[in-house]
Amino acid sequence: MRSPVTVRSSAERAHEANVAVTHTKKSADSSAVVVSNAIAAMGRIEDASRQIEQIIDVIDEIAFQTNLLALNAGIEAARAGDAGKGFAVVAQEVHELAQRSAGAAREIKGLINKSANEVNSGSQLVQETGAVLASISQQIVSVSSHVEMIATASRDQAAALHEVNGSVNQMDQMTQQNATMVDQATTASHELANQADTLMMLVEQFRLEPVSAGRKVGRAA
């Protein structure tokens, strides 16, 4: 049989375990919030990436239109002859600048697409992490429920053992009282036996003489 101290200690350990499980659940819930915030941040990054792609498309379109204008300007400068040579140089420079702008826009768009793919992949991983944390949180709730049941059972057992211990103490006191009464009865019995022996000794001191036959006849006459 387990002692009340052991059961009470077990109840305390179960309560401490339940507190630790509760803290763990709070940490898991906090992690789930962090994951949710991370998913939301990645969603905003995806939105920003799409907006940047739209801006790059506009830049690419401007570069294309600028390139066409440069080509037309070069044609017009060639028609102008010597008077349009300077203008032709400028048109060539604008054409090259438009080409570089278009190339840079394509490179930026490629990087944005690559980043968007990485963000999508990261978002999926974070969502999977969130699902795992949610599952862990549910399991922690189940464990917490079991630990709480164990703690309650241990407390009830400790209380029951405390009551049993009190009853045993009362029985022990009664047993001690009975033992004392038995000792007193035994002592009284010994005293009574001694008094009986003394009484017998006193009785034995008295000797009754037998009555003779003549004395009986005289009394009769």
N, C-alpha and C. Protein backbone atom coordinates (compact mmCIF):
# COMPACT_ATOMS: atom_id res chain seq x y z
N MET A 1 0.85 -1.20 0.00
CA MET A 1 0.00 0.00 0.00
C MET A 1 0.87 1.24 0.00
N ARG A 2 0.56 2.18 -0.84
CA ARG A 2 1.35 3.40 -0.94
C ARG A 2 1.02 4.32 0.22
N SER A 3 2.05 4.98 0.76
CA SER A 3 1.86 5.87 1.88
C SER A 3 1.24 7.17 1.39
N PRO A 4 0.55 7.91 2.31
CA PRO A 4 -0.05 9.20 1.90
C PRO A 4 0.99 10.18 1.38
N VAL A 5 2.21 10.12 1.98
CA VAL A 5 3.26 11.03 1.52
C VAL A 5 3.63 10.74 0.08
N THR A 6 3.74 9.44 -0.25
CA THR A 6 4.09 9.05 -1.63
C THR A 6 2.99 9.47 -2.60
N VAL A 7 1.74 9.22 -2.21
CA VAL A 7 0.62 9.59 -3.09
C VAL A 7 0.54 11.09 -3.26
N ARG A 8 0.73 11.84 -2.15
CA ARG A 8 0.69 13.30 -2.24
C ARG A 8 1.82 13.82 -3.13
N SER A 9 3.00 13.18 -3.02
CA SER A 9 4.12 13.56 -3.88
C SER A 9 3.80 13.27 -5.34
N SER A 10 3.15 12.12 -5.59
CA SER A 10 2.76 11.78 -6.96
C SER A 10 1.76 12.78 -7.50
N ALA A 11 0.83 13.20 -6.65
CA ALA A 11 -0.16 14.20 -7.08
C ALA A 11 0.51 15.51 -7.42
N GLU A 12 1.49 15.90 -6.60
CA GLU A 12 2.22 17.14 -6.88
C GLU A 12 2.99 17.03 -8.18
N ARG A 13 3.66 15.88 -8.41
CA ARG A 13 4.40 15.70 -9.67
C ARG A 13 3.45 15.72 -10.86
N ALA A 14 2.27 15.10 -10.71
CA ALA A 14 1.29 15.10 -11.80
C ALA A 14 0.81 16.52 -12.07
N HIS A 15 0.59 17.29 -10.99
CA HIS A 15 0.18 18.69 -11.18
C HIS A 15 1.27 19.49 -11.89
N GLU A 16 2.53 19.30 -11.48
CA GLU A 16 3.63 19.99 -12.14
C GLU A 16 3.72 19.59 -13.62
N ALA A 17 3.51 18.29 -13.88
CA ALA A 17 3.53 17.84 -15.28
C ALA A 17 2.41 18.49 -16.08
N ASN A 18 1.24 18.63 -15.46
CA ASN A 18 0.12 19.27 -16.14
C ASN A 18 0.42 20.73 -16.43
N VAL A 19 1.07 21.42 -15.47
CA VAL A 19 1.46 22.81 -15.68
C VAL A 19 2.45 22.92 -16.83
N ALA A 20 3.44 21.98 -16.86
CA ALA A 20 4.43 21.99 -17.94
C ALA A 20 3.76 21.74 -19.29
N VAL A 21 2.79 20.82 -19.32
CA VAL A 21 2.07 20.54 -20.57
C VAL A 21 1.29 21.77 -21.02
N THR A 22 0.69 22.48 -20.04
CA THR A 22 -0.05 23.69 -20.37
C THR A 22 0.86 24.75 -20.98
N HIS A 23 2.05 24.92 -20.38
CA HIS A 23 3.02 25.88 -20.93
C HIS A 23 3.44 25.46 -22.34
N THR A 24 3.64 24.15 -22.52
CA THR A 24 4.04 23.64 -23.84
C THR A 24 2.96 23.93 -24.88
N LYS A 25 1.69 23.75 -24.47
CA LYS A 25 0.59 24.04 -25.39
C LYS A 25 0.57 25.53 -25.76
N LYS A 26 0.80 26.39 -24.74
CA LYS A 26 0.84 27.82 -25.04
C LYS A 26 1.96 28.14 -26.01
N SER A 27 3.11 27.49 -25.84
CA SER A 27 4.23 27.71 -26.76
C SER A 27 3.87 27.24 -28.16
N ALA A 28 3.21 26.08 -28.24
CA ALA A 28 2.79 25.57 -29.55
C ALA A 28 1.78 26.51 -30.20
N ASP A 29 0.85 27.02 -29.39
CA ASP A 29 -0.13 27.98 -29.93
C ASP A 29 0.57 29.25 -30.41
N SER A 30 1.56 29.71 -29.63
CA SER A 30 2.32 30.90 -30.04
C SER A 30 3.07 30.63 -31.34
N SER A 31 3.63 29.42 -31.46
CA SER A 31 4.33 29.06 -32.69
C SER A 31 3.36 29.03 -33.86
N ALA A 32 2.14 28.55 -33.59
CA ALA A 32 1.13 28.53 -34.66
C ALA A 32 0.79 29.94 -35.11
N VAL A 33 0.74 30.88 -34.16
CA VAL A 33 0.48 32.28 -34.51
C VAL A 33 1.62 32.83 -35.36
N VAL A 34 2.86 32.49 -34.97
CA VAL A 34 4.02 32.93 -35.75
C VAL A 34 3.96 32.37 -37.16
N VAL A 35 3.61 31.10 -37.27
CA VAL A 35 3.49 30.47 -38.59
C VAL A 35 2.42 31.18 -39.42
N SER A 36 1.29 31.49 -38.78
CA SER A 36 0.21 32.18 -39.49
C SER A 36 0.68 33.55 -39.97
N ASN A 37 1.41 34.25 -39.12
CA ASN A 37 1.94 35.55 -39.53
C ASN A 37 2.94 35.41 -40.68
N ALA A 38 3.75 34.33 -40.62
CA ALA A 38 4.72 34.11 -41.69
C ALA A 38 4.02 33.83 -43.02
N ILE A 39 2.94 33.04 -42.95
CA ILE A 39 2.17 32.76 -44.17
C ILE A 39 1.57 34.04 -44.72
N ALA A 40 1.04 34.88 -43.82
CA ALA A 40 0.46 36.15 -44.27
C ALA A 40 1.54 37.04 -44.90
N ALA A 41 2.74 37.05 -44.28
CA ALA A 41 3.84 37.87 -44.83
C ALA A 41 4.24 37.37 -46.22
N MET A 42 4.30 36.04 -46.37
CA MET A 42 4.64 35.49 -47.69
C MET A 42 3.57 35.83 -48.72
N GLY A 43 2.32 35.85 -48.27
CA GLY A 43 1.25 36.25 -49.18
C GLY A 43 1.43 37.69 -49.63
N ARG A 44 1.83 38.56 -48.70
CA ARG A 44 2.08 39.95 -49.08
C ARG A 44 3.28 40.07 -50.03
N ILE A 45 4.29 39.21 -49.80
CA ILE A 45 5.45 39.22 -50.70
C ILE A 45 5.03 38.80 -52.11
N GLU A 46 4.15 37.79 -52.19
CA GLU A 46 3.66 37.35 -53.50
C GLU A 46 2.89 38.48 -54.18
N ASP A 47 2.06 39.19 -53.41
CA ASP A 47 1.32 40.31 -53.99
C ASP A 47 2.28 41.39 -54.50
N ALA A 48 3.30 41.69 -53.68
CA ALA A 48 4.28 42.70 -54.09
C ALA A 48 5.03 42.24 -55.33
N SER A 49 5.34 40.95 -55.41
CA SER A 49 6.05 40.43 -56.58
C SER A 49 5.20 40.59 -57.84
N ARG A 50 3.92 40.31 -57.72
CA ARG A 50 3.04 40.48 -58.88
C ARG A 50 2.96 41.95 -59.30
N GLN A 51 2.91 42.85 -58.33
CA GLN A 51 2.89 44.28 -58.66
C GLN A 51 4.19 44.70 -59.35
N ILE A 52 5.32 44.16 -58.85
CA ILE A 52 6.60 44.48 -59.48
C ILE A 52 6.63 43.95 -60.91
N GLU A 53 6.08 42.76 -61.12
CA GLU A 53 6.03 42.20 -62.47
C GLU A 53 5.21 43.10 -63.39
N GLN A 54 4.11 43.62 -62.86
CA GLN A 54 3.31 44.54 -63.67
C GLN A 54 4.09 45.80 -64.03
N ILE A 55 4.84 46.32 -63.06
CA ILE A 55 5.66 47.51 -63.33
C ILE A 55 6.73 47.20 -64.36
N ILE A 56 7.33 46.02 -64.23
CA ILE A 56 8.38 45.62 -65.20
C ILE A 56 7.78 45.47 -66.59
N ASP A 57 6.57 44.93 -66.66
CA ASP A 57 5.90 44.82 -67.96
C ASP A 57 5.72 46.21 -68.59
N VAL A 58 5.36 47.18 -67.72
CA VAL A 58 5.21 48.55 -68.22
C VAL A 58 6.56 49.08 -68.71
N ILE A 59 7.62 48.84 -67.91
CA ILE A 59 8.96 49.29 -68.32
C ILE A 59 9.37 48.63 -69.63
N ASP A 60 9.08 47.35 -69.74
CA ASP A 60 9.42 46.62 -70.97
C ASP A 60 8.66 47.19 -72.16
N GLU A 61 7.39 47.54 -71.95
CA GLU A 61 6.60 48.13 -73.02
C GLU A 61 7.14 49.51 -73.40
N ILE A 62 7.56 50.28 -72.39
CA ILE A 62 8.14 51.61 -72.67
C ILE A 62 9.44 51.45 -73.45
N ALA A 63 10.25 50.44 -73.05
CA ALA A 63 11.51 50.21 -73.76
C ALA A 63 11.23 49.81 -75.21
N PHE A 64 10.20 49.00 -75.41
CA PHE A 64 9.85 48.59 -76.77
C PHE A 64 9.41 49.78 -77.61
N GLN A 65 8.55 50.62 -77.05
CA GLN A 65 8.09 51.80 -77.77
C GLN A 65 9.24 52.77 -78.03
N THR A 66 10.14 52.89 -77.01
CA THR A 66 11.31 53.78 -77.19
C THR A 66 12.20 53.26 -78.30
N ASN A 67 12.34 51.96 -78.38
CA ASN A 67 13.16 51.36 -79.42
C ASN A 67 12.56 51.64 -80.80
N LEU A 68 11.25 51.54 -80.90
CA LEU A 68 10.60 51.84 -82.18
C LEU A 68 10.79 53.30 -82.56
N LEU A 69 10.65 54.17 -81.56
CA LEU A 69 10.86 55.60 -81.84
C LEU A 69 12.30 55.87 -82.27
N ALA A 70 13.26 55.19 -81.65
CA ALA A 70 14.66 55.37 -82.02
C ALA A 70 14.91 54.90 -83.45
N LEU A 71 14.29 53.76 -83.79
CA LEU A 71 14.45 53.27 -85.16
C LEU A 71 13.84 54.26 -86.17
N ASN A 72 12.65 54.77 -85.86
CA ASN A 72 12.02 55.74 -86.76
C ASN A 72 12.86 57.02 -86.85
N ALA A 73 13.42 57.41 -85.68
CA ALA A 73 14.26 58.62 -85.68
C ALA A 73 15.51 58.39 -86.51
N GLY A 74 16.07 57.21 -86.46
CA GLY A 74 17.25 56.90 -87.27
C GLY A 74 16.95 56.94 -88.75
N ILE A 75 15.74 56.43 -89.12
CA ILE A 75 15.35 56.45 -90.53
C ILE A 75 15.18 57.89 -91.01
N GLU A 76 14.51 58.71 -90.19
CA GLU A 76 14.30 60.10 -90.55
C GLU A 76 15.63 60.85 -90.62
N ALA A 77 16.56 60.52 -89.71
CA ALA A 77 17.87 61.18 -89.73
C ALA A 77 18.63 60.79 -90.97
N ALA A 78 18.49 59.53 -91.41
CA ALA A 78 19.18 59.10 -92.63
C ALA A 78 18.60 59.83 -93.83
N ARG A 79 17.31 60.09 -93.83
CA ARG A 79 16.70 60.81 -94.95
C ARG A 79 17.16 62.26 -94.96
N ALA A 80 17.45 62.79 -93.76
CA ALA A 80 17.86 64.20 -93.70
C ALA A 80 19.29 64.41 -94.18
N GLY A 81 20.03 63.32 -94.35
CA GLY A 81 21.39 63.47 -94.85
C GLY A 81 22.33 63.99 -93.80
N ASP A 82 23.24 64.89 -94.24
CA ASP A 82 24.23 65.41 -93.30
C ASP A 82 23.58 66.20 -92.16
N ALA A 83 22.47 66.81 -92.43
CA ALA A 83 21.82 67.60 -91.38
C ALA A 83 21.28 66.73 -90.27
N GLY A 84 21.04 65.48 -90.57
CA GLY A 84 20.47 64.60 -89.54
C GLY A 84 21.47 63.66 -88.91
N LYS A 85 22.79 63.87 -89.20
CA LYS A 85 23.78 62.95 -88.63
C LYS A 85 23.80 63.01 -87.10
N GLY A 86 23.78 64.23 -86.56
CA GLY A 86 23.80 64.34 -85.10
C GLY A 86 22.57 63.71 -84.46
N PHE A 87 21.46 63.93 -85.14
CA PHE A 87 20.22 63.35 -84.63
C PHE A 87 20.24 61.83 -84.73
N ALA A 88 20.93 61.33 -85.75
CA ALA A 88 21.05 59.88 -85.92
C ALA A 88 21.87 59.27 -84.78
N VAL A 89 22.93 59.99 -84.36
CA VAL A 89 23.75 59.49 -83.24
C VAL A 89 22.91 59.40 -81.97
N VAL A 90 22.12 60.45 -81.75
CA VAL A 90 21.26 60.44 -80.57
C VAL A 90 20.24 59.31 -80.65
N ALA A 91 19.68 59.11 -81.83
CA ALA A 91 18.71 58.04 -82.02
C ALA A 91 19.34 56.68 -81.74
N GLN A 92 20.62 56.51 -82.16
CA GLN A 92 21.32 55.26 -81.91
C GLN A 92 21.53 55.03 -80.41
N GLU A 93 21.89 56.10 -79.73
CA GLU A 93 22.09 56.00 -78.28
C GLU A 93 20.76 55.63 -77.58
N VAL A 94 19.70 56.25 -78.02
CA VAL A 94 18.39 55.94 -77.42
C VAL A 94 18.01 54.50 -77.71
N HIS A 95 18.33 54.04 -78.92
CA HIS A 95 18.04 52.65 -79.29
C HIS A 95 18.80 51.68 -78.39
N GLU A 96 20.08 51.93 -78.17
CA GLU A 96 20.88 51.05 -77.30
C GLU A 96 20.38 51.10 -75.86
N LEU A 97 20.00 52.32 -75.41
CA LEU A 97 19.47 52.44 -74.05
C LEU A 97 18.16 51.66 -73.89
N ALA A 98 17.34 51.72 -74.92
CA ALA A 98 16.08 50.98 -74.88
C ALA A 98 16.33 49.49 -74.86
N GLN A 99 17.34 49.04 -75.63
CA GLN A 99 17.69 47.62 -75.63
C GLN A 99 18.17 47.17 -74.26
N ARG A 100 19.05 47.99 -73.63
CA ARG A 100 19.55 47.63 -72.31
C ARG A 100 18.41 47.63 -71.27
N SER A 101 17.52 48.60 -71.39
CA SER A 101 16.39 48.66 -70.46
C SER A 101 15.50 47.42 -70.60
N ALA A 102 15.26 47.02 -71.85
CA ALA A 102 14.45 45.82 -72.08
C ALA A 102 15.14 44.58 -71.54
N GLY A 103 16.47 44.48 -71.75
CA GLY A 103 17.23 43.33 -71.23
C GLY A 103 17.20 43.30 -69.70
N ALA A 104 17.41 44.48 -69.10
CA ALA A 104 17.39 44.54 -67.63
C ALA A 104 15.99 44.18 -67.10
N ALA A 105 14.95 44.63 -67.77
CA ALA A 105 13.59 44.32 -67.35
C ALA A 105 13.33 42.82 -67.41
N ARG A 106 13.83 42.17 -68.47
CA ARG A 106 13.66 40.72 -68.58
C ARG A 106 14.41 39.99 -67.47
N GLU A 107 15.63 40.46 -67.16
CA GLU A 107 16.38 39.82 -66.09
C GLU A 107 15.69 39.99 -64.73
N ILE A 108 15.21 41.21 -64.49
CA ILE A 108 14.51 41.46 -63.22
C ILE A 108 13.24 40.60 -63.14
N LYS A 109 12.54 40.51 -64.25
CA LYS A 109 11.34 39.69 -64.26
C LYS A 109 11.65 38.23 -63.98
N GLY A 110 12.76 37.76 -64.57
CA GLY A 110 13.17 36.38 -64.29
C GLY A 110 13.50 36.16 -62.81
N LEU A 111 14.21 37.13 -62.22
CA LEU A 111 14.53 37.03 -60.78
C LEU A 111 13.27 37.07 -59.93
N ILE A 112 12.33 37.94 -60.32
CA ILE A 112 11.08 38.03 -59.58
C ILE A 112 10.32 36.71 -59.66
N ASN A 113 10.28 36.12 -60.84
CA ASN A 113 9.60 34.83 -60.99
C ASN A 113 10.26 33.74 -60.14
N LYS A 114 11.60 33.76 -60.14
CA LYS A 114 12.33 32.79 -59.33
C LYS A 114 12.02 33.01 -57.85
N SER A 115 12.02 34.28 -57.42
CA SER A 115 11.71 34.58 -56.03
C SER A 115 10.29 34.17 -55.67
N ALA A 116 9.38 34.40 -56.62
CA ALA A 116 7.99 34.02 -56.38
C ALA A 116 7.86 32.52 -56.20
N ASN A 117 8.60 31.76 -57.01
CA ASN A 117 8.57 30.30 -56.87
C ASN A 117 9.12 29.86 -55.50
N GLU A 118 10.21 30.53 -55.08
CA GLU A 118 10.79 30.21 -53.77
C GLU A 118 9.81 30.57 -52.65
N VAL A 119 9.15 31.70 -52.82
CA VAL A 119 8.17 32.11 -51.81
C VAL A 119 7.02 31.12 -51.75
N ASN A 120 6.55 30.66 -52.91
CA ASN A 120 5.47 29.67 -52.94
C ASN A 120 5.89 28.38 -52.23
N SER A 121 7.12 27.95 -52.53
CA SER A 121 7.64 26.74 -51.88
C SER A 121 7.75 26.94 -50.37
N GLY A 122 8.29 28.10 -49.97
CA GLY A 122 8.40 28.39 -48.54
C GLY A 122 7.04 28.47 -47.87
N SER A 123 6.07 29.05 -48.58
CA SER A 123 4.73 29.16 -48.04
C SER A 123 4.12 27.78 -47.79
N GLN A 124 4.33 26.87 -48.72
CA GLN A 124 3.82 25.52 -48.56
C GLN A 124 4.47 24.83 -47.35
N LEU A 125 5.80 25.02 -47.21
CA LEU A 125 6.49 24.42 -46.07
C LEU A 125 5.99 25.00 -44.75
N VAL A 126 5.76 26.31 -44.75
CA VAL A 126 5.26 26.94 -43.53
C VAL A 126 3.86 26.45 -43.21
N GLN A 127 3.03 26.28 -44.23
CA GLN A 127 1.69 25.75 -44.01
C GLN A 127 1.74 24.33 -43.45
N GLU A 128 2.65 23.52 -43.99
CA GLU A 128 2.83 22.16 -43.45
C GLU A 128 3.29 22.22 -42.00
N THR A 129 4.20 23.16 -41.70
CA THR A 129 4.65 23.33 -40.31
C THR A 129 3.49 23.73 -39.41
N GLY A 130 2.64 24.62 -39.91
CA GLY A 130 1.47 25.03 -39.13
C GLY A 130 0.54 23.85 -38.87
N ALA A 131 0.35 22.98 -39.89
CA ALA A 131 -0.50 21.81 -39.69
C ALA A 131 0.09 20.87 -38.64
N VAL A 132 1.43 20.69 -38.69
CA VAL A 132 2.09 19.84 -37.70
C VAL A 132 1.94 20.43 -36.30
N LEU A 133 2.13 21.74 -36.17
CA LEU A 133 1.98 22.39 -34.87
C LEU A 133 0.55 22.27 -34.36
N ALA A 134 -0.41 22.39 -35.26
CA ALA A 134 -1.81 22.23 -34.84
C ALA A 134 -2.07 20.81 -34.33
N SER A 135 -1.50 19.83 -35.04
CA SER A 135 -1.63 18.44 -34.59
C SER A 135 -0.97 18.24 -33.23
N ILE A 136 0.23 18.83 -33.07
CA ILE A 136 0.93 18.72 -31.78
C ILE A 136 0.09 19.36 -30.68
N SER A 137 -0.50 20.51 -30.97
CA SER A 137 -1.32 21.20 -29.98
C SER A 137 -2.51 20.34 -29.56
N GLN A 138 -3.15 19.67 -30.53
CA GLN A 138 -4.26 18.79 -30.20
C GLN A 138 -3.80 17.62 -29.34
N GLN A 139 -2.64 17.04 -29.68
CA GLN A 139 -2.11 15.94 -28.88
C GLN A 139 -1.76 16.41 -27.48
N ILE A 140 -1.23 17.65 -27.37
CA ILE A 140 -0.90 18.19 -26.05
C ILE A 140 -2.17 18.35 -25.22
N VAL A 141 -3.26 18.78 -25.87
CA VAL A 141 -4.54 18.91 -25.16
C VAL A 141 -4.97 17.55 -24.61
N SER A 142 -4.81 16.50 -25.44
CA SER A 142 -5.18 15.15 -24.98
C SER A 142 -4.30 14.72 -23.82
N VAL A 143 -2.98 14.96 -23.95
CA VAL A 143 -2.05 14.60 -22.86
C VAL A 143 -2.39 15.38 -21.60
N SER A 144 -2.69 16.66 -21.76
CA SER A 144 -3.04 17.49 -20.61
C SER A 144 -4.28 16.95 -19.91
N SER A 145 -5.26 16.50 -20.69
CA SER A 145 -6.46 15.93 -20.10
C SER A 145 -6.15 14.69 -19.29
N HIS A 146 -5.30 13.81 -19.84
CA HIS A 146 -4.92 12.58 -19.13
C HIS A 146 -4.13 12.92 -17.86
N VAL A 147 -3.20 13.86 -17.98
CA VAL A 147 -2.39 14.23 -16.81
C VAL A 147 -3.26 14.83 -15.73
N GLU A 148 -4.24 15.65 -16.13
CA GLU A 148 -5.15 16.25 -15.16
C GLU A 148 -5.96 15.17 -14.46
N MET A 149 -6.39 14.15 -15.22
CA MET A 149 -7.12 13.04 -14.62
C MET A 149 -6.24 12.30 -13.62
N ILE A 150 -4.97 12.10 -13.99
CA ILE A 150 -4.04 11.43 -13.08
C ILE A 150 -3.84 12.26 -11.82
N ALA A 151 -3.67 13.57 -11.99
CA ALA A 151 -3.48 14.46 -10.84
C ALA A 151 -4.71 14.42 -9.93
N THR A 152 -5.91 14.47 -10.53
CA THR A 152 -7.13 14.43 -9.73
C THR A 152 -7.25 13.11 -8.98
N ALA A 153 -6.96 12.00 -9.70
CA ALA A 153 -7.02 10.69 -9.06
C ALA A 153 -6.01 10.58 -7.92
N SER A 154 -4.82 11.13 -8.13
CA SER A 154 -3.80 11.09 -7.09
C SER A 154 -4.22 11.90 -5.87
N ARG A 155 -4.82 13.09 -6.13
CA ARG A 155 -5.30 13.90 -5.01
C ARG A 155 -6.40 13.17 -4.25
N ASP A 156 -7.34 12.55 -5.00
CA ASP A 156 -8.42 11.81 -4.34
C ASP A 156 -7.86 10.64 -3.54
N GLN A 157 -6.88 9.95 -4.12
CA GLN A 157 -6.27 8.83 -3.42
C GLN A 157 -5.54 9.30 -2.17
N ALA A 158 -4.87 10.45 -2.28
CA ALA A 158 -4.17 11.00 -1.12
C ALA A 158 -5.16 11.35 -0.02
N ALA A 159 -6.31 11.96 -0.41
CA ALA A 159 -7.33 12.31 0.57
C ALA A 159 -7.90 11.05 1.22
N ALA A 160 -8.17 10.02 0.40
CA ALA A 160 -8.72 8.77 0.94
C ALA A 160 -7.73 8.11 1.89
N LEU A 161 -6.46 8.10 1.50
CA LEU A 161 -5.44 7.51 2.38
C LEU A 161 -5.29 8.31 3.67
N HIS A 162 -5.47 9.63 3.57
CA HIS A 162 -5.41 10.45 4.77
C HIS A 162 -6.54 10.07 5.72
N GLU A 163 -7.74 9.86 5.17
CA GLU A 163 -8.86 9.44 5.99
C GLU A 163 -8.61 8.05 6.59
N VAL A 164 -8.08 7.14 5.74
CA VAL A 164 -7.77 5.80 6.24
C VAL A 164 -6.73 5.88 7.34
N ASN A 165 -5.73 6.74 7.15
CA ASN A 165 -4.68 6.89 8.15
C ASN A 165 -5.26 7.40 9.46
N GLY A 166 -6.24 8.35 9.37
CA GLY A 166 -6.90 8.84 10.58
C GLY A 166 -7.67 7.73 11.28
N SER A 167 -8.38 6.92 10.47
CA SER A 167 -9.13 5.80 11.06
C SER A 167 -8.19 4.80 11.73
N VAL A 168 -7.07 4.52 11.06
CA VAL A 168 -6.08 3.60 11.65
C VAL A 168 -5.53 4.15 12.95
N ASN A 169 -5.28 5.47 12.98
CA ASN A 169 -4.78 6.08 14.22
C ASN A 169 -5.81 5.95 15.33
N GLN A 170 -7.11 6.17 14.99
CA GLN A 170 -8.16 6.00 16.00
C GLN A 170 -8.21 4.56 16.50
N MET A 171 -8.11 3.61 15.54
CA MET A 171 -8.11 2.20 15.94
C MET A 171 -6.91 1.89 16.82
N ASP A 172 -5.76 2.49 16.49
CA ASP A 172 -4.56 2.27 17.29
C ASP A 172 -4.76 2.81 18.70
N GLN A 173 -5.37 4.00 18.80
CA GLN A 173 -5.65 4.57 20.12
C GLN A 173 -6.60 3.68 20.91
N MET A 174 -7.65 3.19 20.21
CA MET A 174 -8.60 2.30 20.88
C MET A 174 -7.92 1.02 21.33
N THR A 175 -7.02 0.50 20.48
CA THR A 175 -6.29 -0.72 20.83
C THR A 175 -5.42 -0.48 22.06
N GLN A 176 -4.77 0.70 22.09
CA GLN A 176 -3.95 1.03 23.25
C GLN A 176 -4.81 1.15 24.50
N GLN A 177 -6.00 1.78 24.35
CA GLN A 177 -6.90 1.89 25.49
C GLN A 177 -7.36 0.52 25.96
N ASN A 178 -7.68 -0.36 24.99
CA ASN A 178 -8.09 -1.72 25.35
C ASN A 178 -6.96 -2.46 26.05
N ALA A 179 -5.74 -2.24 25.55
CA ALA A 179 -4.60 -2.90 26.19
C ALA A 179 -4.42 -2.41 27.61
N THR A 180 -4.63 -1.10 27.79
CA THR A 180 -4.53 -0.54 29.14
C THR A 180 -5.61 -1.13 30.05
N MET A 181 -6.83 -1.22 29.50
CA MET A 181 -7.92 -1.81 30.29
C MET A 181 -7.65 -3.27 30.60
N VAL A 182 -7.07 -4.00 29.67
CA VAL A 182 -6.73 -5.42 29.91
C VAL A 182 -5.69 -5.50 31.01
N ASP A 183 -4.68 -4.60 30.94
CA ASP A 183 -3.65 -4.60 31.99
C ASP A 183 -4.29 -4.30 33.34
N GLN A 184 -5.21 -3.32 33.36
CA GLN A 184 -5.88 -2.99 34.62
C GLN A 184 -6.71 -4.18 35.11
N ALA A 185 -7.42 -4.84 34.20
CA ALA A 185 -8.23 -6.01 34.59
C ALA A 185 -7.34 -7.12 35.11
N THR A 186 -6.19 -7.31 34.44
CA THR A 186 -5.26 -8.35 34.90
C THR A 186 -4.73 -8.05 36.29
N THR A 187 -4.39 -6.77 36.49
CA THR A 187 -3.91 -6.36 37.83
C THR A 187 -5.00 -6.57 38.87
N ALA A 188 -6.23 -6.16 38.52
CA ALA A 188 -7.35 -6.35 39.46
C ALA A 188 -7.57 -7.83 39.75
N SER A 189 -7.43 -8.68 38.70
CA SER A 189 -7.59 -10.12 38.90
C SER A 189 -6.54 -10.66 39.85
N HIS A 190 -5.28 -10.18 39.66
CA HIS A 190 -4.21 -10.63 40.57
C HIS A 190 -4.50 -10.18 42.00
N GLU A 191 -4.97 -8.94 42.16
CA GLU A 191 -5.29 -8.45 43.50
C GLU A 191 -6.43 -9.27 44.11
N LEU A 192 -7.45 -9.57 43.26
CA LEU A 192 -8.57 -10.37 43.74
C LEU A 192 -8.10 -11.76 44.15
N ALA A 193 -7.21 -12.34 43.37
CA ALA A 193 -6.69 -13.67 43.71
C ALA A 193 -5.90 -13.62 45.01
N ASN A 194 -5.10 -12.55 45.17
CA ASN A 194 -4.35 -12.41 46.43
C ASN A 194 -5.29 -12.25 47.62
N GLN A 195 -6.36 -11.45 47.45
CA GLN A 195 -7.33 -11.29 48.52
C GLN A 195 -8.04 -12.61 48.83
N ALA A 196 -8.32 -13.39 47.78
CA ALA A 196 -8.95 -14.70 48.01
C ALA A 196 -8.02 -15.61 48.79
N ASP A 197 -6.73 -15.60 48.45
CA ASP A 197 -5.76 -16.41 49.19
C ASP A 197 -5.70 -15.97 50.65
N THR A 198 -5.70 -14.66 50.85
CA THR A 198 -5.68 -14.16 52.23
C THR A 198 -6.92 -14.59 52.99
N LEU A 199 -8.08 -14.53 52.32
CA LEU A 199 -9.33 -14.94 52.96
C LEU A 199 -9.30 -16.42 53.31
N MET A 200 -8.75 -17.23 52.43
CA MET A 200 -8.67 -18.67 52.70
C MET A 200 -7.78 -18.93 53.90
N MET A 201 -6.68 -18.17 54.00
CA MET A 201 -5.79 -18.33 55.14
C MET A 201 -6.51 -17.97 56.43
N LEU A 202 -7.31 -16.89 56.40
CA LEU A 202 -8.07 -16.52 57.59
C LEU A 202 -9.11 -17.57 57.94
N VAL A 203 -9.76 -18.14 56.97
CA VAL A 203 -10.77 -19.16 57.21
C VAL A 203 -10.14 -20.40 57.81
N GLU A 204 -8.96 -20.75 57.34
CA GLU A 204 -8.31 -21.96 57.83
C GLU A 204 -7.89 -21.83 59.29
N GLN A 205 -7.80 -20.60 59.81
CA GLN A 205 -7.44 -20.41 61.21
C GLN A 205 -8.57 -20.83 62.16
N PHE A 206 -9.77 -20.82 61.66
CA PHE A 206 -10.90 -21.27 62.49
C PHE A 206 -11.03 -22.79 62.40
N ARG A 207 -11.06 -23.51 63.67
CA ARG A 207 -11.22 -24.96 63.74
C ARG A 207 -12.50 -25.25 64.54
N LEU A 208 -13.47 -25.86 63.98
CA LEU A 208 -14.71 -26.22 64.65
C LEU A 208 -14.57 -27.60 65.29
N GLU A 209 -14.76 -27.71 66.65
CA GLU A 209 -14.65 -29.00 67.34
C GLU A 209 -15.94 -29.80 67.12
N PRO A 210 -15.86 -31.14 67.00
CA PRO A 210 -17.06 -31.96 66.82
C PRO A 210 -17.88 -32.05 68.12
N VAL A 211 -19.16 -32.10 68.11
CA VAL A 211 -20.07 -32.19 69.27
C VAL A 211 -20.17 -33.64 69.71
N SER A 212 -20.00 -33.94 71.10
CA SER A 212 -20.06 -35.33 71.61
C SER A 212 -21.51 -35.81 71.69
N ALA A 213 -21.68 -37.17 71.89
CA ALA A 213 -23.02 -37.77 71.93
C ALA A 213 -23.73 -37.44 73.24
N GLY A 214 -22.99 -37.35 74.40
CA GLY A 214 -23.61 -37.07 75.68
C GLY A 214 -24.19 -35.69 75.74
N ARG A 215 -23.51 -34.78 75.19
CA ARG A 215 -23.99 -33.41 75.21
C ARG A 215 -25.24 -33.27 74.37
N LYS A 216 -25.32 -34.04 73.34
CA LYS A 216 -26.53 -34.01 72.53
C LYS A 216 -27.71 -34.53 73.33
N VAL A 217 -27.49 -35.67 74.22
CA VAL A 217 -28.59 -36.28 74.98
C VAL A 217 -29.07 -35.32 76.06
N GLY A 218 -28.10 -34.66 76.77
CA GLY A 218 -28.49 -33.74 77.82
C GLY A 218 -29.35 -32.64 77.29
N ARG A 219 -29.04 -32.18 76.20
CA ARG A 219 -29.86 -31.14 75.61
C ARG A 219 -31.23 -31.63 75.28
N ALA A 220 -31.28 -32.91 75.02
CA ALA A 220 -32.59 -33.49 74.69
C ALA A 220 -33.47 -33.63 75.92
N ALA A 221 -32.91 -34.01 77.15
CA ALA A 221 -33.68 -34.16 78.36
C ALA A 221 -34.17 -32.80 78.86
